């Protein structure tokens, strides 16, 4: 993908009388290809993050049922509470990243749909397809770049969610170890 963007960016403008030193942006096909790749690239990370966080939450619930804690004041209780707090923070951060991952992309695609006058659901019989107003090339390129940037943000947030999910698994393992030690099972 990076090679496509670099190649398209350094190709001289076609049909111009320049010496080849002008830099043109990527073509529409390259931008659409990059957007499609970014859109499909974020889905597996979000699914894996969701599955991991679900497993951690189920594990915490099962562990609390099997090993009820009788906490007394002391250093052990502080360690247990601290590991549990870090676990809760990592789960909340993962879920918030998963929720907000697609928001910017949805907004950009909605703005593009509004700009061209497309109906929200073209299959609905009561919607009429409006005639599309002519869009200037500069505005079209700007909108395409905004969608591409939003897709990149979605991919970044999906990978951050995956990282925080891994942190939640590590915190869950540490919290389980502390719980087993405090319960006298180890």
N, C-alpha and C. Protein backbone atom coordinates (compact mmCIF):
# COMPACT_ATOMS: atom_id res chain seq x y z
N UNK A 1 0.81 -1.17 0.00
CA UNK A 1 0.00 0.00 0.00
C UNK A 1 0.87 1.25 0.00
N UNK A 2 1.93 1.24 0.79
CA UNK A 2 2.79 2.42 0.85
C UNK A 2 3.47 2.66 -0.49
N UNK A 3 3.82 1.58 -1.17
CA UNK A 3 4.46 1.75 -2.48
C UNK A 3 3.50 2.36 -3.49
N UNK A 4 2.24 2.00 -3.42
CA UNK A 4 1.24 2.58 -4.33
C UNK A 4 1.13 4.07 -4.09
N UNK A 5 1.05 4.46 -2.82
CA UNK A 5 0.90 5.87 -2.50
C UNK A 5 2.15 6.66 -2.89
N UNK A 6 3.32 6.09 -2.67
CA UNK A 6 4.57 6.78 -3.02
C UNK A 6 4.69 6.89 -4.53
N UNK A 7 4.40 5.79 -5.23
CA UNK A 7 4.51 5.82 -6.69
C UNK A 7 3.55 6.84 -7.27
N UNK A 8 2.33 6.87 -6.77
CA UNK A 8 1.34 7.81 -7.29
C UNK A 8 1.69 9.25 -6.95
N UNK A 9 2.35 9.45 -5.82
CA UNK A 9 2.67 10.81 -5.41
C UNK A 9 3.82 11.41 -6.20
N UNK A 10 4.74 10.61 -6.67
CA UNK A 10 5.90 11.17 -7.36
C UNK A 10 5.78 11.13 -8.87
N UNK A 11 4.73 10.50 -9.39
CA UNK A 11 4.55 10.53 -10.84
C UNK A 11 4.26 11.95 -11.27
N UNK A 12 4.85 12.41 -12.36
CA UNK A 12 4.54 13.77 -12.81
C UNK A 12 3.11 13.86 -13.30
N UNK A 13 2.59 15.06 -13.29
CA UNK A 13 1.21 15.27 -13.73
C UNK A 13 1.10 14.93 -15.20
N UNK A 14 0.07 14.18 -15.54
CA UNK A 14 -0.12 13.77 -16.92
C UNK A 14 -0.73 14.91 -17.71
N UNK A 15 -0.28 15.08 -18.94
CA UNK A 15 -0.85 16.08 -19.82
C UNK A 15 -0.40 17.49 -19.53
N UNK A 16 0.62 17.66 -18.75
CA UNK A 16 1.08 19.02 -18.46
C UNK A 16 2.43 19.24 -19.11
N UNK A 17 2.80 20.48 -19.23
CA UNK A 17 4.06 20.84 -19.88
C UNK A 17 5.15 21.09 -18.85
N UNK A 18 5.19 20.29 -17.82
CA UNK A 18 6.21 20.49 -16.80
C UNK A 18 7.39 19.58 -17.09
N UNK A 19 8.44 19.79 -16.36
CA UNK A 19 9.63 18.98 -16.54
C UNK A 19 9.62 17.74 -15.67
N UNK A 20 8.51 17.45 -15.04
CA UNK A 20 8.41 16.25 -14.21
C UNK A 20 8.71 16.52 -12.76
N UNK A 21 8.92 17.78 -12.39
CA UNK A 21 9.27 18.07 -11.01
C UNK A 21 8.04 18.32 -10.14
N UNK A 22 6.86 18.46 -10.74
CA UNK A 22 5.64 18.68 -9.98
C UNK A 22 5.21 17.36 -9.33
N UNK A 23 4.64 17.46 -8.15
CA UNK A 23 4.18 16.27 -7.45
C UNK A 23 2.66 16.30 -7.44
N UNK A 24 2.06 15.20 -7.87
CA UNK A 24 0.61 15.08 -7.90
C UNK A 24 0.20 14.10 -6.81
N UNK A 25 -1.01 14.26 -6.31
CA UNK A 25 -1.51 13.36 -5.28
C UNK A 25 -1.87 12.01 -5.88
N UNK A 26 -2.24 11.08 -5.03
CA UNK A 26 -2.61 9.75 -5.52
C UNK A 26 -3.88 9.83 -6.36
N UNK A 27 -4.00 8.90 -7.28
CA UNK A 27 -5.19 8.86 -8.12
C UNK A 27 -6.38 8.38 -7.31
N UNK A 28 -7.56 8.54 -7.88
CA UNK A 28 -8.78 8.12 -7.17
C UNK A 28 -8.80 6.61 -6.96
N UNK A 29 -8.30 5.86 -7.95
CA UNK A 29 -8.27 4.40 -7.80
C UNK A 29 -7.35 3.98 -6.67
N UNK A 30 -6.20 4.63 -6.58
CA UNK A 30 -5.26 4.31 -5.49
C UNK A 30 -5.86 4.65 -4.14
N UNK A 31 -6.55 5.78 -4.07
CA UNK A 31 -7.18 6.18 -2.81
C UNK A 31 -8.28 5.20 -2.41
N UNK A 32 -9.10 4.78 -3.39
CA UNK A 32 -10.15 3.80 -3.09
C UNK A 32 -9.57 2.45 -2.69
N UNK A 33 -8.49 2.03 -3.35
CA UNK A 33 -7.84 0.77 -2.98
C UNK A 33 -7.29 0.84 -1.56
N UNK A 34 -6.65 1.97 -1.22
CA UNK A 34 -6.10 2.13 0.12
C UNK A 34 -7.21 2.15 1.16
N UNK A 35 -8.32 2.81 0.85
CA UNK A 35 -9.45 2.85 1.78
C UNK A 35 -10.04 1.47 1.99
N UNK A 36 -10.22 0.73 0.91
CA UNK A 36 -10.76 -0.63 1.03
C UNK A 36 -9.84 -1.52 1.85
N UNK A 37 -8.55 -1.37 1.66
CA UNK A 37 -7.59 -2.16 2.43
C UNK A 37 -7.65 -1.79 3.91
N UNK A 38 -7.74 -0.49 4.21
CA UNK A 38 -7.82 -0.06 5.60
C UNK A 38 -9.12 -0.50 6.26
N UNK A 39 -10.22 -0.47 5.52
CA UNK A 39 -11.50 -0.89 6.08
C UNK A 39 -11.51 -2.37 6.42
N UNK A 40 -10.98 -3.18 5.55
CA UNK A 40 -10.98 -4.62 5.82
C UNK A 40 -9.91 -5.01 6.81
N UNK A 41 -8.90 -4.17 6.98
CA UNK A 41 -7.81 -4.49 7.87
C UNK A 41 -8.18 -4.32 9.34
N UNK A 42 -9.14 -3.47 9.67
CA UNK A 42 -9.46 -3.17 11.06
C UNK A 42 -10.45 -4.17 11.66
N UNK A 43 -11.23 -4.83 10.85
CA UNK A 43 -12.27 -5.71 11.38
C UNK A 43 -11.73 -6.87 12.21
N UNK A 44 -10.72 -7.60 11.77
CA UNK A 44 -10.24 -8.72 12.61
C UNK A 44 -9.72 -8.27 13.96
N UNK A 45 -9.05 -7.13 14.01
CA UNK A 45 -8.53 -6.64 15.29
C UNK A 45 -9.67 -6.31 16.25
N UNK A 46 -10.74 -5.73 15.74
CA UNK A 46 -11.88 -5.41 16.60
C UNK A 46 -12.58 -6.68 17.08
N UNK A 47 -12.69 -7.68 16.22
CA UNK A 47 -13.32 -8.94 16.62
C UNK A 47 -12.48 -9.64 17.68
N UNK A 48 -11.19 -9.71 17.47
CA UNK A 48 -10.31 -10.36 18.45
C UNK A 48 -10.34 -9.61 19.78
N UNK A 49 -10.33 -8.29 19.73
CA UNK A 49 -10.39 -7.51 20.97
C UNK A 49 -11.69 -7.80 21.72
N UNK A 50 -12.79 -7.86 21.00
CA UNK A 50 -14.07 -8.14 21.63
C UNK A 50 -14.12 -9.51 22.27
N UNK A 51 -13.58 -10.50 21.57
CA UNK A 51 -13.56 -11.86 22.11
C UNK A 51 -12.68 -11.94 23.35
N UNK A 52 -11.52 -11.30 23.30
CA UNK A 52 -10.59 -11.34 24.44
C UNK A 52 -11.20 -10.65 25.66
N UNK A 53 -11.79 -9.49 25.45
CA UNK A 53 -12.39 -8.77 26.57
C UNK A 53 -13.58 -9.55 27.14
N UNK A 54 -14.37 -10.18 26.29
CA UNK A 54 -15.47 -11.02 26.77
C UNK A 54 -14.95 -12.17 27.62
N UNK A 55 -13.87 -12.79 27.16
CA UNK A 55 -13.28 -13.90 27.93
C UNK A 55 -12.74 -13.42 29.27
N UNK A 56 -12.13 -12.24 29.31
CA UNK A 56 -11.62 -11.70 30.57
C UNK A 56 -12.76 -11.41 31.52
N UNK A 57 -13.84 -10.81 31.04
CA UNK A 57 -14.98 -10.49 31.90
C UNK A 57 -15.62 -11.77 32.44
N UNK A 58 -15.77 -12.77 31.60
CA UNK A 58 -16.32 -14.06 32.05
C UNK A 58 -15.38 -14.71 33.06
N UNK A 59 -14.07 -14.61 32.81
CA UNK A 59 -13.10 -15.16 33.74
C UNK A 59 -13.15 -14.50 35.10
N UNK A 60 -13.31 -13.18 35.14
CA UNK A 60 -13.42 -12.46 36.41
C UNK A 60 -14.68 -12.91 37.15
N UNK A 61 -15.79 -13.05 36.42
CA UNK A 61 -17.04 -13.47 37.07
C UNK A 61 -16.93 -14.88 37.63
N UNK A 62 -16.34 -15.78 36.87
CA UNK A 62 -16.19 -17.17 37.34
C UNK A 62 -15.25 -17.22 38.53
N UNK A 63 -14.19 -16.47 38.47
CA UNK A 63 -13.22 -16.48 39.57
C UNK A 63 -13.82 -15.93 40.85
N UNK A 64 -14.65 -14.90 40.74
CA UNK A 64 -15.28 -14.34 41.93
C UNK A 64 -16.29 -15.31 42.53
N UNK A 65 -16.92 -16.13 41.70
CA UNK A 65 -17.87 -17.11 42.23
C UNK A 65 -17.12 -18.28 42.88
N UNK A 66 -16.06 -18.73 42.24
CA UNK A 66 -15.32 -19.90 42.74
C UNK A 66 -14.47 -19.54 43.94
N UNK A 67 -13.81 -18.39 43.91
CA UNK A 67 -12.92 -17.97 44.99
C UNK A 67 -13.40 -16.66 45.60
N UNK A 68 -14.42 -16.68 46.43
CA UNK A 68 -14.85 -15.42 47.06
C UNK A 68 -13.75 -14.89 47.98
N UNK A 69 -13.54 -13.60 47.89
CA UNK A 69 -12.44 -12.99 48.66
C UNK A 69 -12.96 -12.47 50.00
N UNK A 70 -12.17 -12.69 51.02
CA UNK A 70 -12.41 -12.12 52.34
C UNK A 70 -11.23 -11.19 52.61
N UNK A 71 -11.37 -9.97 52.18
CA UNK A 71 -10.25 -9.04 52.27
C UNK A 71 -10.19 -8.40 53.66
N UNK A 72 -8.99 -8.36 54.19
CA UNK A 72 -8.70 -7.68 55.44
C UNK A 72 -7.70 -6.59 55.14
N UNK A 73 -7.62 -5.64 56.01
CA UNK A 73 -6.66 -4.54 55.81
C UNK A 73 -5.25 -5.11 55.82
N UNK A 74 -4.46 -4.64 54.88
CA UNK A 74 -3.08 -5.10 54.82
C UNK A 74 -2.52 -4.92 53.42
N UNK A 75 -1.25 -5.27 53.30
CA UNK A 75 -0.55 -5.08 52.02
C UNK A 75 -1.11 -6.01 50.95
N UNK A 76 -1.51 -7.20 51.32
CA UNK A 76 -2.06 -8.14 50.34
C UNK A 76 -3.35 -7.60 49.71
N UNK A 77 -4.18 -7.03 50.53
CA UNK A 77 -5.44 -6.46 50.02
C UNK A 77 -5.17 -5.28 49.09
N UNK A 78 -4.16 -4.49 49.40
CA UNK A 78 -3.81 -3.36 48.55
C UNK A 78 -3.30 -3.85 47.19
N UNK A 79 -2.49 -4.90 47.20
CA UNK A 79 -2.00 -5.47 45.95
C UNK A 79 -3.15 -6.04 45.14
N UNK A 80 -4.08 -6.74 45.80
CA UNK A 80 -5.24 -7.29 45.10
C UNK A 80 -6.08 -6.17 44.48
N UNK A 81 -6.35 -5.13 45.26
CA UNK A 81 -7.16 -4.02 44.77
C UNK A 81 -6.46 -3.28 43.63
N UNK A 82 -5.15 -3.12 43.73
CA UNK A 82 -4.41 -2.42 42.67
C UNK A 82 -4.42 -3.22 41.37
N UNK A 83 -4.20 -4.52 41.45
CA UNK A 83 -4.23 -5.32 40.21
C UNK A 83 -5.64 -5.36 39.62
N UNK A 84 -6.65 -5.40 40.49
CA UNK A 84 -8.02 -5.38 39.99
C UNK A 84 -8.35 -4.03 39.35
N UNK A 85 -7.86 -2.94 39.93
CA UNK A 85 -8.10 -1.61 39.36
C UNK A 85 -7.45 -1.47 37.98
N UNK A 86 -6.24 -1.97 37.84
CA UNK A 86 -5.56 -1.91 36.54
C UNK A 86 -6.31 -2.77 35.52
N UNK A 87 -6.82 -3.91 35.96
CA UNK A 87 -7.62 -4.77 35.08
C UNK A 87 -8.89 -4.05 34.62
N UNK A 88 -9.57 -3.40 35.52
CA UNK A 88 -10.79 -2.69 35.16
C UNK A 88 -10.49 -1.53 34.20
N UNK A 89 -9.43 -0.79 34.45
CA UNK A 89 -9.05 0.32 33.57
C UNK A 89 -8.72 -0.19 32.17
N UNK A 90 -8.00 -1.29 32.08
CA UNK A 90 -7.63 -1.81 30.75
C UNK A 90 -8.86 -2.33 30.00
N UNK A 91 -9.81 -2.93 30.71
CA UNK A 91 -11.05 -3.39 30.06
C UNK A 91 -11.87 -2.19 29.57
N UNK A 92 -12.00 -1.18 30.40
CA UNK A 92 -12.76 0.02 30.00
C UNK A 92 -12.10 0.71 28.82
N UNK A 93 -10.78 0.81 28.83
CA UNK A 93 -10.07 1.46 27.72
C UNK A 93 -10.25 0.67 26.42
N UNK A 94 -10.18 -0.64 26.51
CA UNK A 94 -10.37 -1.47 25.32
C UNK A 94 -11.77 -1.28 24.75
N UNK A 95 -12.77 -1.33 25.60
CA UNK A 95 -14.15 -1.19 25.14
C UNK A 95 -14.38 0.21 24.56
N UNK A 96 -13.83 1.24 25.19
CA UNK A 96 -14.03 2.59 24.65
C UNK A 96 -13.34 2.76 23.30
N UNK A 97 -12.18 2.17 23.11
CA UNK A 97 -11.51 2.23 21.80
C UNK A 97 -12.31 1.47 20.75
N UNK A 98 -12.88 0.34 21.13
CA UNK A 98 -13.69 -0.42 20.18
C UNK A 98 -14.94 0.34 19.77
N UNK A 99 -15.56 1.03 20.72
CA UNK A 99 -16.78 1.79 20.43
C UNK A 99 -16.49 2.98 19.54
N UNK A 100 -15.42 3.69 19.81
CA UNK A 100 -15.11 4.91 19.07
C UNK A 100 -14.31 4.67 17.80
N UNK A 101 -13.94 3.45 17.52
CA UNK A 101 -13.08 3.18 16.36
C UNK A 101 -13.72 3.62 15.05
N UNK A 102 -14.97 3.31 14.84
CA UNK A 102 -15.60 3.59 13.57
C UNK A 102 -16.38 4.89 13.50
N UNK A 103 -16.41 5.65 14.58
CA UNK A 103 -17.26 6.85 14.62
C UNK A 103 -16.84 7.89 13.57
N UNK A 104 -15.56 8.20 13.49
CA UNK A 104 -15.10 9.23 12.56
C UNK A 104 -15.33 8.79 11.11
N UNK A 105 -15.10 7.53 10.83
CA UNK A 105 -15.33 7.03 9.48
C UNK A 105 -16.80 7.08 9.11
N UNK A 106 -17.67 6.73 10.04
CA UNK A 106 -19.10 6.82 9.79
C UNK A 106 -19.53 8.25 9.51
N UNK A 107 -18.99 9.19 10.27
CA UNK A 107 -19.30 10.60 10.04
C UNK A 107 -18.85 11.07 8.66
N UNK A 108 -17.64 10.69 8.26
CA UNK A 108 -17.12 11.11 6.95
C UNK A 108 -17.93 10.49 5.81
N UNK A 109 -18.28 9.22 5.93
CA UNK A 109 -19.08 8.59 4.89
C UNK A 109 -20.48 9.19 4.83
N UNK A 110 -21.04 9.54 5.98
CA UNK A 110 -22.34 10.21 6.00
C UNK A 110 -22.28 11.58 5.36
N UNK A 111 -21.21 12.31 5.61
CA UNK A 111 -21.04 13.63 4.99
C UNK A 111 -20.89 13.50 3.48
N UNK A 112 -20.17 12.50 3.04
CA UNK A 112 -20.01 12.27 1.60
C UNK A 112 -21.36 11.90 0.97
N UNK A 113 -22.12 11.06 1.67
CA UNK A 113 -23.45 10.68 1.18
C UNK A 113 -24.37 11.90 1.12
N UNK A 114 -24.30 12.76 2.12
CA UNK A 114 -25.11 13.98 2.12
C UNK A 114 -24.70 14.92 1.00
N UNK A 115 -23.42 15.01 0.75
CA UNK A 115 -22.90 15.90 -0.27
C UNK A 115 -23.37 15.51 -1.66
N UNK A 116 -23.42 14.23 -1.95
CA UNK A 116 -23.83 13.81 -3.28
C UNK A 116 -25.34 13.60 -3.38
N UNK A 117 -26.05 13.69 -2.25
CA UNK A 117 -27.50 13.59 -2.27
C UNK A 117 -28.04 12.18 -2.33
N UNK A 118 -27.27 11.22 -1.91
CA UNK A 118 -27.71 9.82 -1.94
C UNK A 118 -28.62 9.55 -0.75
N UNK A 119 -29.64 8.71 -0.93
CA UNK A 119 -30.50 8.37 0.20
C UNK A 119 -29.78 7.44 1.17
N UNK A 120 -30.24 7.43 2.41
CA UNK A 120 -29.62 6.58 3.42
C UNK A 120 -29.79 5.11 3.06
N UNK A 121 -31.00 4.74 2.67
CA UNK A 121 -31.27 3.37 2.27
C UNK A 121 -31.88 3.40 0.86
N UNK A 122 -31.08 3.12 -0.16
CA UNK A 122 -31.59 3.22 -1.52
C UNK A 122 -32.63 2.15 -1.86
N UNK A 123 -32.75 1.12 -1.04
CA UNK A 123 -33.74 0.05 -1.30
C UNK A 123 -35.14 0.43 -0.86
N UNK A 124 -35.27 1.47 -0.03
CA UNK A 124 -36.58 1.87 0.46
C UNK A 124 -37.39 2.46 -0.69
N UNK A 125 -38.66 2.01 -0.85
CA UNK A 125 -39.45 2.46 -2.01
C UNK A 125 -39.85 3.93 -1.94
N UNK A 126 -39.88 4.54 -0.75
CA UNK A 126 -40.34 5.91 -0.65
C UNK A 126 -39.23 6.94 -0.86
N UNK A 127 -37.98 6.49 -0.92
CA UNK A 127 -36.90 7.45 -1.14
C UNK A 127 -36.71 7.68 -2.63
N UNK A 128 -36.46 8.91 -2.94
CA UNK A 128 -36.19 9.25 -4.33
C UNK A 128 -34.71 9.56 -4.46
N UNK A 129 -34.13 9.07 -5.50
CA UNK A 129 -32.73 9.36 -5.74
C UNK A 129 -32.65 10.75 -6.34
N UNK A 130 -32.00 11.63 -5.61
CA UNK A 130 -31.86 13.00 -6.08
C UNK A 130 -30.75 13.09 -7.11
N UNK A 131 -30.86 14.07 -7.95
CA UNK A 131 -29.80 14.27 -8.93
C UNK A 131 -28.58 14.78 -8.19
N UNK A 132 -27.49 14.24 -8.57
CA UNK A 132 -26.23 14.58 -7.92
C UNK A 132 -25.73 15.91 -8.46
N UNK A 133 -25.42 16.80 -7.55
CA UNK A 133 -24.86 18.09 -7.95
C UNK A 133 -23.43 17.88 -8.40
N UNK A 134 -22.98 18.63 -9.37
CA UNK A 134 -21.59 18.47 -9.80
C UNK A 134 -20.63 18.87 -8.68
N UNK A 135 -19.66 18.01 -8.47
CA UNK A 135 -18.68 18.22 -7.40
C UNK A 135 -17.35 18.55 -8.06
N UNK A 136 -16.71 19.58 -7.57
CA UNK A 136 -15.42 19.95 -8.15
C UNK A 136 -14.38 18.89 -7.80
N UNK A 137 -13.36 18.81 -8.62
CA UNK A 137 -12.31 17.82 -8.40
C UNK A 137 -11.60 18.04 -7.08
N UNK A 138 -11.37 19.29 -6.73
CA UNK A 138 -10.68 19.59 -5.47
C UNK A 138 -11.52 19.15 -4.27
N UNK A 139 -12.82 19.41 -4.33
CA UNK A 139 -13.68 19.00 -3.23
C UNK A 139 -13.77 17.48 -3.15
N UNK A 140 -13.86 16.82 -4.30
CA UNK A 140 -13.93 15.36 -4.32
C UNK A 140 -12.65 14.77 -3.74
N UNK A 141 -11.50 15.31 -4.12
CA UNK A 141 -10.22 14.82 -3.59
C UNK A 141 -10.14 15.06 -2.08
N UNK A 142 -10.62 16.21 -1.64
CA UNK A 142 -10.61 16.52 -0.21
C UNK A 142 -11.48 15.54 0.57
N UNK A 143 -12.67 15.23 0.06
CA UNK A 143 -13.55 14.28 0.73
C UNK A 143 -12.93 12.89 0.74
N UNK A 144 -12.33 12.49 -0.38
CA UNK A 144 -11.70 11.16 -0.44
C UNK A 144 -10.54 11.07 0.55
N UNK A 145 -9.76 12.13 0.66
CA UNK A 145 -8.66 12.13 1.62
C UNK A 145 -9.18 12.10 3.05
N UNK A 146 -10.30 12.78 3.31
CA UNK A 146 -10.89 12.75 4.65
C UNK A 146 -11.38 11.35 5.00
N UNK A 147 -11.99 10.65 4.04
CA UNK A 147 -12.43 9.28 4.28
C UNK A 147 -11.23 8.37 4.52
N UNK A 148 -10.17 8.57 3.76
CA UNK A 148 -8.96 7.78 3.93
C UNK A 148 -8.34 8.03 5.31
N UNK A 149 -8.31 9.29 5.73
CA UNK A 149 -7.77 9.61 7.06
C UNK A 149 -8.63 8.99 8.16
N UNK A 150 -9.95 9.02 7.98
CA UNK A 150 -10.83 8.41 8.97
C UNK A 150 -10.64 6.89 9.02
N UNK A 151 -10.40 6.27 7.87
CA UNK A 151 -10.14 4.83 7.85
C UNK A 151 -8.83 4.51 8.56
N UNK A 152 -7.85 5.38 8.41
CA UNK A 152 -6.58 5.18 9.13
C UNK A 152 -6.77 5.31 10.63
N UNK A 153 -7.59 6.28 11.05
CA UNK A 153 -7.87 6.44 12.48
C UNK A 153 -8.58 5.20 13.01
N UNK A 154 -9.51 4.65 12.23
CA UNK A 154 -10.20 3.43 12.65
C UNK A 154 -9.22 2.28 12.82
N UNK A 155 -8.29 2.15 11.87
CA UNK A 155 -7.30 1.08 11.95
C UNK A 155 -6.41 1.28 13.18
N UNK A 156 -6.00 2.53 13.43
CA UNK A 156 -5.16 2.81 14.60
C UNK A 156 -5.88 2.48 15.89
N UNK A 157 -7.14 2.89 16.00
CA UNK A 157 -7.90 2.60 17.22
C UNK A 157 -8.15 1.11 17.39
N UNK A 158 -8.34 0.40 16.29
CA UNK A 158 -8.54 -1.05 16.37
C UNK A 158 -7.28 -1.74 16.88
N UNK A 159 -6.12 -1.29 16.40
CA UNK A 159 -4.88 -1.89 16.87
C UNK A 159 -4.57 -1.48 18.31
N UNK A 160 -4.92 -0.25 18.69
CA UNK A 160 -4.77 0.14 20.10
C UNK A 160 -5.68 -0.70 20.99
N UNK A 161 -6.89 -0.96 20.53
CA UNK A 161 -7.81 -1.81 21.31
C UNK A 161 -7.24 -3.21 21.47
N UNK A 162 -6.59 -3.70 20.43
CA UNK A 162 -5.97 -5.03 20.53
C UNK A 162 -4.83 -5.02 21.55
N UNK A 163 -4.05 -3.96 21.57
CA UNK A 163 -2.98 -3.83 22.56
C UNK A 163 -3.51 -3.74 23.98
N UNK A 164 -4.58 -2.96 24.16
CA UNK A 164 -5.17 -2.87 25.49
C UNK A 164 -5.84 -4.18 25.89
N UNK A 165 -6.35 -4.94 24.95
CA UNK A 165 -6.92 -6.24 25.26
C UNK A 165 -5.82 -7.19 25.75
N UNK A 166 -4.65 -7.11 25.12
CA UNK A 166 -3.52 -7.92 25.58
C UNK A 166 -3.10 -7.50 26.98
N UNK A 167 -3.14 -6.21 27.25
CA UNK A 167 -2.84 -5.72 28.59
C UNK A 167 -3.87 -6.25 29.60
N UNK A 168 -5.13 -6.30 29.19
CA UNK A 168 -6.17 -6.83 30.07
C UNK A 168 -5.93 -8.30 30.38
N UNK A 169 -5.46 -9.06 29.40
CA UNK A 169 -5.17 -10.48 29.65
C UNK A 169 -4.02 -10.62 30.64
N UNK A 170 -2.99 -9.80 30.49
CA UNK A 170 -1.86 -9.85 31.42
C UNK A 170 -2.31 -9.45 32.82
N UNK A 171 -3.13 -8.40 32.92
CA UNK A 171 -3.64 -7.97 34.23
C UNK A 171 -4.54 -9.04 34.84
N UNK A 172 -5.33 -9.71 34.00
CA UNK A 172 -6.18 -10.79 34.50
C UNK A 172 -5.33 -11.93 35.06
N UNK A 173 -4.25 -12.27 34.38
CA UNK A 173 -3.36 -13.33 34.88
C UNK A 173 -2.73 -12.92 36.20
N UNK A 174 -2.28 -11.67 36.29
CA UNK A 174 -1.67 -11.20 37.55
C UNK A 174 -2.72 -11.16 38.66
N UNK A 175 -3.91 -10.69 38.37
CA UNK A 175 -4.96 -10.63 39.37
C UNK A 175 -5.37 -12.03 39.83
N UNK A 176 -5.42 -12.97 38.90
CA UNK A 176 -5.74 -14.36 39.26
C UNK A 176 -4.67 -14.93 40.18
N UNK A 177 -3.42 -14.66 39.87
CA UNK A 177 -2.32 -15.14 40.71
C UNK A 177 -2.42 -14.56 42.12
N UNK A 178 -2.68 -13.28 42.22
CA UNK A 178 -2.82 -12.63 43.53
C UNK A 178 -4.01 -13.21 44.27
N UNK A 179 -5.11 -13.43 43.57
CA UNK A 179 -6.31 -13.99 44.20
C UNK A 179 -6.04 -15.40 44.72
N UNK A 180 -5.37 -16.20 43.92
CA UNK A 180 -5.05 -17.58 44.36
C UNK A 180 -4.11 -17.58 45.55
N UNK A 181 -3.17 -16.65 45.58
CA UNK A 181 -2.25 -16.56 46.72
C UNK A 181 -3.01 -16.13 47.97
N UNK A 182 -3.88 -15.12 47.83
CA UNK A 182 -4.63 -14.65 48.98
C UNK A 182 -5.64 -15.69 49.48
N UNK A 183 -6.16 -16.50 48.58
CA UNK A 183 -7.12 -17.53 49.00
C UNK A 183 -6.42 -18.75 49.59
N UNK A 184 -5.10 -18.79 49.52
CA UNK A 184 -4.35 -19.90 50.08
C UNK A 184 -4.31 -21.11 49.19
N UNK A 185 -4.58 -20.94 47.89
CA UNK A 185 -4.56 -22.06 46.96
C UNK A 185 -3.17 -22.31 46.39
N UNK A 186 -2.31 -21.33 46.53
CA UNK A 186 -0.92 -21.52 46.06
C UNK A 186 0.02 -21.30 47.21
